[in-house]
PDB file of N, CA and C in Angstrom:
ATOM      1  N   MET A   1     104.220  73.087  80.070  1.00  0.00           N
ATOM      2  CA  MET A   1     103.306  74.146  79.668  1.00  0.00           C
ATOM      3  C   MET A   1     103.034  74.895  81.238  1.00  0.00           C
ATOM      4  N   THR A   2     102.531  75.702  81.084  1.00  0.00           N
ATOM      5  CA  THR A   2     101.773  76.383  82.676  1.00  0.00           C
ATOM      6  C   THR A   2     100.610  76.904  81.920  1.00  0.00           C
ATOM      7  N   THR A   3      99.793  76.827  82.989  1.00  0.00           N
ATOM      8  CA  THR A   3      98.236  77.285  82.417  1.00  0.00           C
ATOM      9  C   THR A   3      97.748  78.372  84.031  1.00  0.00           C
ATOM     10  N   GLN A   4      97.372  79.475  83.691  1.00  0.00           N
ATOM     11  CA  GLN A   4      96.752  80.301  84.949  1.00  0.00           C
ATOM     12  C   GLN A   4      95.365  79.354  85.552  1.00  0.00           C
ATOM     13  N   ILE A   5      95.225  78.911  86.659  1.00  0.00           N
ATOM     14  CA  ILE A   5      93.812  78.718  87.233  1.00  0.00           C
ATOM     15  C   ILE A   5      93.499  79.328  89.096  1.00  0.00           C
ATOM     16  N   MET A   6      92.095  78.645  89.273  1.00  0.00           N
ATOM     17  CA  MET A   6      91.829  79.284  90.772  1.00  0.00           C
ATOM     18  C   MET A   6      92.566  78.614  91.652  1.00  0.00           C
ATOM     19  N   LEU A   7      93.275  79.308  92.459  1.00  0.00           N
ATOM     20  CA  LEU A   7      93.424  78.431  93.589  1.00  0.00           C
ATOM     21  C   LEU A   7      92.378  77.187  94.375  1.00  0.00           C
ATOM     22  N   ALA A   8      91.682  77.737  94.658  1.00  0.00           N
ATOM     23  CA  ALA A   8      90.751  76.962  95.252  1.00  0.00           C
ATOM     24  C   ALA A   8      90.154  75.735  94.219  1.00  0.00           C
ATOM     25  N   ASP A   9      90.539  75.510  92.835  1.00  0.00           N
ATOM     26  CA  ASP A   9      90.485  74.357  92.438  1.00  0.00           C
ATOM     27  C   ASP A   9      91.716  73.244  92.381  1.00  0.00           C
ATOM     28  N   VAL A  10      92.660  73.523  93.231  1.00  0.00           N
ATOM     29  CA  VAL A  10      93.704  72.897  93.473  1.00  0.00           C
ATOM     30  C   VAL A  10      93.792  72.662  95.141  1.00  0.00           C
ATOM     31  N   ALA A  11      93.146  73.260  95.530  1.00  0.00           N
ATOM     32  CA  ALA A  11      93.723  73.553  97.644  1.00  0.00           C
ATOM     33  C   ALA A  11      91.974  73.946  97.997  1.00  0.00           C
ATOM     34  N   HIS A  12      92.865  73.524  99.556  1.00  0.00           N
ATOM     35  CA  HIS A  12      92.058  74.044 100.227  1.00  0.00           C
ATOM     36  C   HIS A  12      92.612  75.017 101.318  1.00  0.00           C
ATOM     37  N   ALA A  13      92.039  76.030 102.263  1.00  0.00           N
ATOM     38  CA  ALA A  13      92.799  76.823 103.130  1.00  0.00           C
ATOM     39  C   ALA A  13      92.132  77.557 104.424  1.00  0.00           C
ATOM     40  N   ARG A  14      92.525  77.378 105.355  1.00  0.00           N
ATOM     41  CA  ARG A  14      91.990  77.897 106.763  1.00  0.00           C
ATOM     42  C   ARG A  14      93.147  79.138 106.929  1.00  0.00           C
ATOM     43  N   ALA A  15      92.195  79.866 108.250  1.00  0.00           N
ATOM     44  CA  ALA A  15      92.764  80.869 108.533  1.00  0.00           C
ATOM     45  C   ALA A  15      92.986  81.324 110.070  1.00  0.00           C
ATOM     46  N   GLY A  16      93.841  81.333 110.591  1.00  0.00           N
ATOM     47  CA  GLY A  16      94.248  81.983 111.747  1.00  0.00           C
ATOM     48  C   GLY A  16      94.567  82.843 111.876  1.00  0.00           C
ATOM     49  N   ASP A  17      94.728  83.674 113.445  1.00  0.00           N
ATOM     50  CA  ASP A  17      95.439  84.748 113.537  1.00  0.00           C
ATOM     51  C   ASP A  17      96.580  85.239 115.063  1.00  0.00           C
ATOM     52  N   LYS A  18      97.360  85.492 114.777  1.00  0.00           N
ATOM     53  CA  LYS A  18      98.669  85.946 115.865  1.00  0.00           C
ATOM     54  C   LYS A  18      98.350  87.621 116.133  1.00  0.00           C
ATOM     55  N   GLY A  19      98.024  88.083 117.053  1.00  0.00           N
ATOM     56  CA  GLY A  19      97.876  89.324 116.771  1.00  0.00           C
ATOM     57  C   GLY A  19      97.411  90.302 115.818  1.00  0.00           C
ATOM     58  N   ASP A  20      98.185  91.177 114.938  1.00  0.00           N
ATOM     59  CA  ASP A  20      97.573  91.995 113.563  1.00  0.00           C
ATOM     60  C   ASP A  20      98.519  91.113 112.898  1.00  0.00           C
ATOM     61  N   THR A  21      98.884  89.570 112.620  1.00  0.00           N
ATOM     62  CA  THR A  21      99.109  88.607 111.422  1.00  0.00           C
ATOM     63  C   THR A  21      97.757  87.756 111.153  1.00  0.00           C
ATOM     64  N   SER A  22      97.489  87.533 109.587  1.00  0.00           N
ATOM     65  CA  SER A  22      96.552  86.455 109.749  1.00  0.00           C
ATOM     66  C   SER A  22      97.614  85.445 109.213  1.00  0.00           C
ATOM     67  N   ILE A  23      97.337  84.057 109.789  1.00  0.00           N
ATOM     68  CA  ILE A  23      97.935  82.984 109.217  1.00  0.00           C
ATOM     69  C   ILE A  23      97.383  82.034 108.942  1.00  0.00           C
ATOM     70  N   LEU A  24      97.523  81.762 107.385  1.00  0.00           N
ATOM     71  CA  LEU A  24      96.623  80.541 106.260  1.00  0.00           C
ATOM     72  C   LEU A  24      97.174  79.490 106.232  1.00  0.00           C
ATOM     73  N   VAL A  25      96.893  78.230 105.887  1.00  0.00           N
ATOM     74  CA  VAL A  25      97.355  76.901 105.757  1.00  0.00           C
ATOM     75  C   VAL A  25      96.596  76.319 104.743  1.00  0.00           C
ATOM     76  N   VAL A  26      97.390  76.451 103.400  1.00  0.00           N
ATOM     77  CA  VAL A  26      96.783  75.923 102.014  1.00  0.00           C
ATOM     78  C   VAL A  26      97.111  74.541 102.125  1.00  0.00           C
ATOM     79  N   ALA A  27      96.266  73.602 101.600  1.00  0.00           N
ATOM     80  CA  ALA A  27      96.520  72.284 101.085  1.00  0.00           C
ATOM     81  C   ALA A  27      96.192  71.800 100.109  1.00  0.00           C
ATOM     82  N   PRO A  28      96.967  71.126  99.158  1.00  0.00           N
ATOM     83  CA  PRO A  28      96.539  70.965  97.982  1.00  0.00           C
ATOM     84  C   PRO A  28      95.120  69.710  97.621  1.00  0.00           C
ATOM     85  N   LEU A  29      94.348  69.736  97.531  1.00  0.00           N
ATOM     86  CA  LEU A  29      93.257  68.913  97.358  1.00  0.00           C
ATOM     87  C   LEU A  29      93.623  67.277  97.150  1.00  0.00           C
ATOM     88  N   ASN A  30      94.896  67.113  96.069  1.00  0.00           N
ATOM     89  CA  ASN A  30      95.883  65.949  95.825  1.00  0.00           C
ATOM     90  C   ASN A  30      96.612  66.013  96.207  1.00  0.00           C
ATOM     91  N   PRO A  31      96.882  65.511  97.427  1.00  0.00           N
ATOM     92  CA  PRO A  31      98.665  65.396  97.927  1.00  0.00           C
ATOM     93  C   PRO A  31      99.740  64.925  97.075  1.00  0.00           C
ATOM     94  N   THR A  32      99.574  65.140  95.886  1.00  0.00           N
ATOM     95  CA  THR A  32     100.705  65.031  94.997  1.00  0.00           C
ATOM     96  C   THR A  32     101.241  65.966  94.334  1.00  0.00           C
ATOM     97  N   ASP A  33      99.933  67.251  94.267  1.00  0.00           N
ATOM     98  CA  ASP A  33     100.062  68.236  93.586  1.00  0.00           C
ATOM     99  C   ASP A  33     101.186  69.499  94.533  1.00  0.00           C
ATOM    100  N   TYR A  34     101.320  68.848  95.710  1.00  0.00           N
ATOM    101  CA  TYR A  34     101.786  69.297  97.017  1.00  0.00           C
ATOM    102  C   TYR A  34     103.481  70.203  96.115  1.00  0.00           C
ATOM    103  N   GLN A  35     104.086  69.750  95.607  1.00  0.00           N
ATOM    104  CA  GLN A  35     105.222  70.605  94.987  1.00  0.00           C
ATOM    105  C   GLN A  35     104.876  71.903  94.023  1.00  0.00           C
ATOM    106  N   ARG A  36     103.646  71.417  92.999  1.00  0.00           N
ATOM    107  CA  ARG A  36     103.120  72.442  92.140  1.00  0.00           C
ATOM    108  C   ARG A  36     102.827  73.683  92.987  1.00  0.00           C
ATOM    109  N   LEU A  37     101.859  73.273  93.888  1.00  0.00           N
ATOM    110  CA  LEU A  37     101.750  74.419  95.380  1.00  0.00           C
ATOM    111  C   LEU A  37     102.474  75.172  95.655  1.00  0.00           C
ATOM    112  N   GLN A  38     103.819  74.664  95.833  1.00  0.00           N
ATOM    113  CA  GLN A  38     104.448  75.214  96.715  1.00  0.00           C
ATOM    114  C   GLN A  38     105.384  76.149  95.658  1.00  0.00           C
ATOM    115  N   LYS A  39     105.414  75.543  94.342  1.00  0.00           N
ATOM    116  CA  LYS A  39     106.271  76.582  93.714  1.00  0.00           C
ATOM    117  C   LYS A  39     105.192  77.718  93.241  1.00  0.00           C
ATOM    118  N   ALA A  40     103.958  77.561  92.817  1.00  0.00           N
ATOM    119  CA  ALA A  40     102.784  78.292  92.484  1.00  0.00           C
ATOM    120  C   ALA A  40     103.017  79.814  93.398  1.00  0.00           C
ATOM    121  N   LEU A  41     102.488  79.549  94.776  1.00  0.00           N
ATOM    122  CA  LEU A  41     102.473  80.508  95.756  1.00  0.00           C
ATOM    123  C   LEU A  41     104.043  81.210  96.378  1.00  0.00           C
ATOM    124  N   THR A  42     104.111  82.431  95.552  1.00  0.00           N
ATOM    125  CA  THR A  42     105.396  83.001  95.888  1.00  0.00           C
ATOM    126  C   THR A  42     104.785  84.336  96.960  1.00  0.00           C
ATOM    127  N   LYS A  43     105.547  85.180  97.179  1.00  0.00           N
ATOM    128  CA  LYS A  43     105.810  86.163  98.274  1.00  0.00           C
ATOM    129  C   LYS A  43     104.986  86.881  97.212  1.00  0.00           C
ATOM    130  N   GLU A  44     105.466  87.460  95.745  1.00  0.00           N
ATOM    131  CA  GLU A  44     104.719  88.544  95.236  1.00  0.00           C
ATOM    132  C   GLU A  44     103.438  88.122  95.003  1.00  0.00           C
ATOM    133  N   LEU A  45     103.327  87.189  94.694  1.00  0.00           N
ATOM    134  CA  LEU A  45     101.968  86.662  94.089  1.00  0.00           C
ATOM    135  C   LEU A  45     101.192  87.698  95.219  1.00  0.00           C
ATOM    136  N   VAL A  46     101.160  86.167  96.402  1.00  0.00           N
ATOM    137  CA  VAL A  46     100.540  86.296  97.713  1.00  0.00           C
ATOM    138  C   VAL A  46     100.119  88.107  97.959  1.00  0.00           C
ATOM    139  N   ALA A  47     101.239  88.400  98.022  1.00  0.00           N
ATOM    140  CA  ALA A  47     101.615  89.857  98.611  1.00  0.00           C
ATOM    141  C   ALA A  47     100.714  91.126  97.993  1.00  0.00           C
ATOM    142  N   ALA A  48     100.726  90.563  96.116  1.00  0.00           N
ATOM    143  CA  ALA A  48      99.994  91.260  95.311  1.00  0.00           C
ATOM    144  C   ALA A  48      98.664  91.184  95.736  1.00  0.00           C
ATOM    145  N   HIS A  49      97.891  90.025  95.454  1.00  0.00           N
ATOM    146  CA  HIS A  49      96.969  89.489  96.184  1.00  0.00           C
ATOM    147  C   HIS A  49      96.329  90.272  97.226  1.00  0.00           C
ATOM    148  N   PHE A  50      96.838  90.120  98.196  1.00  0.00           N
ATOM    149  CA  PHE A  50      96.242  91.177  99.589  1.00  0.00           C
ATOM    150  C   PHE A  50      96.216  92.673  99.772  1.00  0.00           C
ATOM    151  N   GLY A  51      97.381  93.238  98.481  1.00  0.00           N
ATOM    152  CA  GLY A  51      97.275  94.337  98.532  1.00  0.00           C
ATOM    153  C   GLY A  51      98.191  95.079  99.307  1.00  0.00           C
ATOM    154  N   THR A  52      98.997  94.016  99.624  1.00  0.00           N
ATOM    155  CA  THR A  52     100.635  94.437 100.700  1.00  0.00           C
ATOM    156  C   THR A  52     101.652  94.859  99.823  1.00  0.00           C
ATOM    157  N   ALA A  53     102.080  95.908  99.994  1.00  0.00           N
ATOM    158  CA  ALA A  53     103.465  96.329  99.197  1.00  0.00           C
ATOM    159  C   ALA A  53     104.399  95.828  99.295  1.00  0.00           C
ATOM    160  N   ASN A  54     104.815  95.689 100.775  1.00  0.00           N
ATOM    161  CA  ASN A  54     106.269  94.773 101.483  1.00  0.00           C
ATOM    162  C   ASN A  54     105.773  94.047 101.031  1.00  0.00           C
ATOM    163  N   TYR A  55     106.826  93.188 100.538  1.00  0.00           N
ATOM    164  CA  TYR A  55     107.200  91.492 100.111  1.00  0.00           C
ATOM    165  C   TYR A  55     107.135  90.859 101.782  1.00  0.00           C
ATOM    166  N   ASP A  56     108.315  91.622 102.654  1.00  0.00           N
ATOM    167  CA  ASP A  56     108.609  91.256 104.074  1.00  0.00           C
ATOM    168  C   ASP A  56     107.375  91.197 104.595  1.00  0.00           C
ATOM    169  N   ASP A  57     106.297  91.483 104.522  1.00  0.00           N
ATOM    170  CA  ASP A  57     105.209  91.423 105.107  1.00  0.00           C
ATOM    171  C   ASP A  57     104.304  89.540 105.233  1.00  0.00           C
ATOM    172  N   VAL A  58     105.078  89.425 103.687  1.00  0.00           N
ATOM    173  CA  VAL A  58     104.487  87.631 103.655  1.00  0.00           C
ATOM    174  C   VAL A  58     105.512  86.699 103.933  1.00  0.00           C
ATOM    175  N   ARG A  59     105.425  86.257 104.526  1.00  0.00           N
ATOM    176  CA  ARG A  59     106.171  84.853 105.222  1.00  0.00           C
ATOM    177  C   ARG A  59     105.859  83.515 104.414  1.00  0.00           C
ATOM    178  N   ILE A  60     106.126  82.820 103.591  1.00  0.00           N
ATOM    179  CA  ILE A  60     105.721  81.350 103.302  1.00  0.00           C
ATOM    180  C   ILE A  60     106.468  80.248 103.294  1.00  0.00           C
ATOM    181  N   THR A  61     106.293  79.686 104.270  1.00  0.00           N
ATOM    182  CA  THR A  61     106.654  78.235 104.775  1.00  0.00           C
ATOM    183  C   THR A  61     106.313  76.724 104.341  1.00  0.00           C
ATOM    184  N   PRO A  62     106.810  76.195 103.826  1.00  0.00           N
ATOM    185  CA  PRO A  62     106.177  74.633 103.331  1.00  0.00           C
ATOM    186  C   PRO A  62     106.393  73.870 104.690  1.00  0.00           C
ATOM    187  N   VAL A  63     105.558  72.741 104.469  1.00  0.00           N
ATOM    188  CA  VAL A  63     105.667  71.687 105.710  1.00  0.00           C
ATOM    189  C   VAL A  63     105.303  70.316 105.004  1.00  0.00           C
ATOM    190  N   ALA A  64     106.235  69.758 104.637  1.00  0.00           N
ATOM    191  CA  ALA A  64     106.768  69.025 103.325  1.00  0.00           C
ATOM    192  C   ALA A  64     105.560  67.905 104.085  1.00  0.00           C
ATOM    193  N   HIS A  65     105.606  67.289 105.681  1.00  0.00           N
ATOM    194  CA  HIS A  65     105.133  66.513 106.197  1.00  0.00           C
ATOM    195  C   HIS A  65     103.645  66.233 106.534  1.00  0.00           C
ATOM    196  N   LEU A  66     103.588  67.796 105.998  1.00  0.00           N
ATOM    197  CA  LEU A  66     101.681  67.638 105.774  1.00  0.00           C
ATOM    198  C   LEU A  66     101.181  68.139 104.340  1.00  0.00           C
ATOM    199  N   ALA A  67     101.870  67.722 103.530  1.00  0.00           N
ATOM    200  CA  ALA A  67     101.792  68.505 102.266  1.00  0.00           C
ATOM    201  C   ALA A  67     101.115  69.772 102.506  1.00  0.00           C
ATOM    202  N   ALA A  68     101.799  70.711 103.273  1.00  0.00           N
ATOM    203  CA  ALA A  68     100.938  72.132 103.212  1.00  0.00           C
ATOM    204  C   ALA A  68     101.741  72.794 103.438  1.00  0.00           C
ATOM    205  N   VAL A  69     101.786  74.038 103.073  1.00  0.00           N
ATOM    206  CA  VAL A  69     102.030  75.465 103.125  1.00  0.00           C
ATOM    207  C   VAL A  69     101.340  76.317 104.175  1.00  0.00           C
ATOM    208  N   VAL A  70     102.490  76.989 104.551  1.00  0.00           N
ATOM    209  CA  VAL A  70     101.696  77.847 105.577  1.00  0.00           C
ATOM    210  C   VAL A  70     102.231  79.770 105.452  1.00  0.00           C
ATOM    211  N   ILE A  71     101.016  80.719 105.106  1.00  0.00           N
ATOM    212  CA  ILE A  71     101.376  81.552 104.788  1.00  0.00           C
ATOM    213  C   ILE A  71     101.226  82.752 105.850  1.00  0.00           C
ATOM    214  N   ALA A  72     101.819  83.580 106.263  1.00  0.00           N
ATOM    215  CA  ALA A  72     101.538  84.245 107.357  1.00  0.00           C
ATOM    216  C   ALA A  72     101.692  85.766 106.640  1.00  0.00           C
ATOM    217  N   VAL A  73     100.775  86.762 106.857  1.00  0.00           N
ATOM    218  CA  VAL A  73     100.770  87.617 105.923  1.00  0.00           C
ATOM    219  C   VAL A  73     100.666  89.114 107.256  1.00  0.00           C
ATOM    220  N   ALA A  74     101.560  89.917 107.656  1.00  0.00           N
ATOM    221  CA  ALA A  74     101.746  90.916 108.714  1.00  0.00           C
ATOM    222  C   ALA A  74     101.187  91.893 108.182  1.00  0.00           C
ATOM    223  N   ASN A  75     100.296  92.566 109.989  1.00  0.00           N
ATOM    224  CA  ASN A  75     100.106  93.763 109.651  1.00  0.00           C
ATOM    225  C   ASN A  75      98.348  93.886 108.646  1.00  0.00           C
ATOM    226  N   ARG A  76      97.879  92.925 108.907  1.00  0.00           N
ATOM    227  CA  ARG A  76      96.779  92.573 108.191  1.00  0.00           C
ATOM    228  C   ARG A  76      96.011  92.810 109.020  1.00  0.00           C
ATOM    229  N   LEU A  77      95.658  92.462 110.010  1.00  0.00           N
ATOM    230  CA  LEU A  77      94.239  92.538 111.289  1.00  0.00           C
ATOM    231  C   LEU A  77      94.050  93.789 111.300  1.00  0.00           C
ATOM    232  N   ALA A  78      94.025  94.799 110.901  1.00  0.00           N
ATOM    233  CA  ALA A  78      93.852  96.129 111.273  1.00  0.00           C
ATOM    234  C   ALA A  78      93.968  96.344 113.029  1.00  0.00           C
ATOM    235  N   GLY A  79      95.554  95.865 113.442  1.00  0.00           N
ATOM    236  CA  GLY A  79      95.402  95.865 115.163  1.00  0.00           C
ATOM    237  C   GLY A  79      95.278  94.804 115.496  1.00  0.00           C
ATOM    238  N   GLY A  80      94.938  93.441 115.378  1.00  0.00           N
ATOM    239  CA  GLY A  80      94.503  92.488 115.533  1.00  0.00           C
ATOM    240  C   GLY A  80      93.005  92.906 116.538  1.00  0.00           C
ATOM    241  N   VAL A  81      92.530  91.210 117.263  1.00  0.00           N
ATOM    242  CA  VAL A  81      91.298  91.126 117.610  1.00  0.00           C
ATOM    243  C   VAL A  81      90.595  92.018 118.523  1.00  0.00           C
ATOM    244  N   THR A  82      91.805  92.565 119.366  1.00  0.00           N
ATOM    245  CA  THR A  82      91.093  93.465 120.371  1.00  0.00           C
ATOM    246  C   THR A  82      91.116  95.126 119.500  1.00  0.00           C
ATOM    247  N   ARG A  83      91.141  95.232 118.961  1.00  0.00           N
ATOM    248  CA  ARG A  83      91.826  96.984 118.276  1.00  0.00           C
ATOM    249  C   ARG A  83      91.363  97.005 117.150  1.00  0.00           C
ATOM    250  N   SER A  84      91.065  96.049 116.432  1.00  0.00           N
ATOM    251  CA  SER A  84      90.293  95.921 114.908  1.00  0.00           C
ATOM    252  C   SER A  84      89.168  96.509 114.812  1.00  0.00           C
ATOM    253  N   PRO A  85      88.744  97.163 114.338  1.00  0.00           N
ATOM    254  CA  PRO A  85      86.854  97.525 113.998  1.00  0.00           C
ATOM    255  C   PRO A  85      86.658  97.337 112.883  1.00  0.00           C
ATOM    256  N   THR A  86      86.565  96.180 112.050  1.00  0.00           N
ATOM    257  CA  THR A  86      86.372  95.587 111.156  1.00  0.00           C
ATOM    258  C   THR A  86      85.290  94.515 111.858  1.00  0.00           C
ATOM    259  N   THR A  87      84.510  93.750 111.071  1.00  0.00           N
ATOM    260  CA  THR A  87      83.671  92.862 110.898  1.00  0.00           C
ATOM    261  C   THR A  87      84.099  91.634 111.270  1.00  0.00           C
ATOM    262  N   ASP A  88      85.685  91.203 111.029  1.00  0.00           N
ATOM    263  CA  ASP A  88      86.001  90.006 110.402  1.00  0.00           C
ATOM    264  C   ASP A  88      87.276  89.931 111.528  1.00  0.00           C
ATOM    265  N   PRO A  89      87.512  90.297 112.434  1.00  0.00           N
ATOM    266  CA  PRO A  89      88.733  91.152 113.230  1.00  0.00           C
ATOM    267  C   PRO A  89      89.612  89.725 113.370  1.00  0.00           C
ATOM    268  N   HIS A  90      89.186  88.460 113.573  1.00  0.00           N
ATOM    269  CA  HIS A  90      90.309  87.222 113.203  1.00  0.00           C
ATOM    270  C   HIS A  90      90.331  87.017 111.699  1.00  0.00           C
ATOM    271  N   GLY A  91      90.217  87.504 111.113  1.00  0.00           N
ATOM    272  CA  GLY A  91      90.366  87.380 109.401  1.00  0.00           C
ATOM    273  C   GLY A  91      90.206  86.052 109.126  1.00  0.00           C
ATOM    274  N   LYS A  92      89.344  85.446 109.315  1.00  0.00           N
ATOM    275  CA  LYS A  92      88.684  84.235 108.871  1.00  0.00           C
ATOM    276  C   LYS A  92      88.589  84.025 107.159  1.00  0.00           C
ATOM    277  N   THR A  93      87.692  85.284 106.428  1.00  0.00           N
ATOM    278  CA  THR A  93      87.455  85.453 105.617  1.00  0.00           C
ATOM    279  C   THR A  93      88.418  85.393 104.609  1.00  0.00           C
ATOM    280  N   LEU A  94      89.787  85.448 105.198  1.00  0.00           N
ATOM    281  CA  LEU A  94      91.055  85.657 104.201  1.00  0.00           C
ATOM    282  C   LEU A  94      91.383  84.129 103.271  1.00  0.00           C
ATOM    283  N   SER A  95      91.062  82.910 104.018  1.00  0.00           N
ATOM    284  CA  SER A  95      91.200  82.193 103.583  1.00  0.00           C
ATOM    285  C   SER A  95      90.776  81.929 101.691  1.00  0.00           C
ATOM    286  N   SER A  96      89.030  82.159 101.952  1.00  0.00           N
ATOM    287  CA  SER A  96      88.216  82.122 100.975  1.00  0.00           C
ATOM    288  C   SER A  96      89.064  83.119 100.216  1.00  0.00           C
ATOM    289  N   HIS A  97      89.499  84.421 100.608  1.00  0.00           N
ATOM    290  CA  HIS A  97      90.234  85.407  99.636  1.00  0.00           C
ATOM    291  C   HIS A  97      91.035  85.178  98.834  1.00  0.00           C
ATOM    292  N   LEU A  98      92.180  83.998  99.437  1.00  0.00           N
ATOM    293  CA  LEU A  98      93.045  83.585  99.342  1.00  0.00           C
ATOM    294  C   LEU A  98      92.799  82.056  97.808  1.00  0.00           C
ATOM    295  N   LEU A  99      91.655  81.515  98.393  1.00  0.00           N
ATOM    296  CA  LEU A  99      91.371  81.011  97.006  1.00  0.00           C
ATOM    297  C   LEU A  99      90.860  81.666  96.130  1.00  0.00           C
ATOM    298  N   GLY A 100      90.583  82.797  95.902  1.00  0.00           N
ATOM    299  CA  GLY A 100      90.171  83.388  94.699  1.00  0.00           C
ATOM    300  C   GLY A 100      91.518  83.607  94.118  1.00  0.00           C
ATOM    301  N   LEU A 101      93.037  83.433  94.369  1.00  0.00           N
ATOM    302  CA  LEU A 101      93.872  83.607  93.474  1.00  0.00           C
ATOM    303  C   LEU A 101      94.332  82.992  92.220  1.00  0.00           C
ATOM    304  N   MET A 102      94.274  83.455  91.498  1.00  0.00           N
ATOM    305  CA  MET A 102      95.042  83.195  90.372  1.00  0.00           C
ATOM    306  C   MET A 102      96.155  82.563  90.402  1.00  0.00           C
ATOM    307  N   VAL A 103      96.818  81.689  90.191  1.00  0.00           N
ATOM    308  CA  VAL A 103      97.987  80.453  90.150  1.00  0.00           C
ATOM    309  C   VAL A 103      98.674  80.290  88.970  1.00  0.00           C
ATOM    310  N   PRO A 104      99.762  80.706  88.568  1.00  0.00           N
ATOM    311  CA  PRO A 104     100.622  79.448  87.559  1.00  0.00           C
ATOM    312  C   PRO A 104     100.564  78.010  88.047  1.00  0.00           C
ATOM    313  N   TRP A 105     100.223  77.146  87.396  1.00  0.00           N
ATOM    314  CA  TRP A 105      99.780  75.817  87.373  1.00  0.00           C
ATOM    315  C   TRP A 105     100.545  74.556  86.147  1.00  0.00           C
ATOM    316  N   PRO A 106     101.603  74.464  86.604  1.00  0.00           N
ATOM    317  CA  PRO A 106     102.474  74.144  85.490  1.00  0.00           C
ATOM    318  C   PRO A 106     101.743  72.808  84.942  1.00  0.00           C
ATOM    319  N   HIS A 107     101.682  71.510  84.014  1.00  0.00           N
ATOM    320  CA  HIS A 107     100.839  70.790  83.497  1.00  0.00           C
ATOM    321  C   HIS A 107     102.172  69.666  83.110  1.00  0.00           C
ATOM    322  N   TYR A 108     102.007  68.318  83.781  1.00  0.00           N
ATOM    323  CA  TYR A 108     103.239  67.317  83.697  1.00  0.00           C
ATOM    324  C   TYR A 108     103.049  66.382  82.778  1.00  0.00           C
ATOM    325  N   ALA A 109     104.052  65.893  81.896  1.00  0.00           N
ATOM    326  CA  ALA A 109     103.118  64.471  81.032  1.00  0.00           C
ATOM    327  C   ALA A 109     103.598  63.344  81.985  1.00  0.00           C
ATOM    328  N   ASP A 110     102.403  62.590  81.615  1.00  0.00           N
ATOM    329  CA  ASP A 110     102.514  61.132  82.555  1.00  0.00           C
ATOM    330  C   ASP A 110     103.742  60.550  82.909  1.00  0.00           C
ATOM    331  N   GLY A 111     103.738  60.481  83.457  1.00  0.00           N
ATOM    332  CA  GLY A 111     104.958  59.858  84.349  1.00  0.00           C
ATOM    333  C   GLY A 111     106.266  60.984  84.943  1.00  0.00           C
ATOM    334  N   ASP A 112     106.001  62.395  84.086  1.00  0.00           N
ATOM    335  CA  ASP A 112     106.905  62.654  85.219  1.00  0.00           C
ATOM    336  C   ASP A 112     106.549  63.276  86.711  1.00  0.00           C
ATOM    337  N   ALA A 113     107.756  63.602  87.267  1.00  0.00           N
ATOM    338  CA  ALA A 113     107.352  64.067  88.344  1.00  0.00           C
ATOM    339  C   ALA A 113     106.948  65.468  88.978  1.00  0.00           C
ATOM    340  N   ASN A 114     106.554  65.783  89.902  1.00  0.00           N
ATOM    341  CA  ASN A 114     106.375  67.204  90.160  1.00  0.00           C
ATOM    342  C   ASN A 114     107.485  67.759  90.040  1.00  0.00           C
TER     343      ASN A 114
END
């Protein structure tokens, strides 16, 4: 069975930047939820949440030894820090925005692996 939950209920996130690309690291609050988190965060879901029509602008990289997922969203920072006219040129608030994403979250019976 799968339900929709807010990402903030099961994970935390931090944001950084490189040029015009926002880089977000998402880690589950409980490391045993890593595989569920990895399955829940799809390119299509993240792209739609950030209003990006081009799925190729989103790259999701699992980092198993950290039990985290790195999400890079290209062309998201209005030109980057030195060119952006926005009040958040580094895109630090994008981690909070990402945590507002509703994700499908599978429920497992006791004893079942993620």
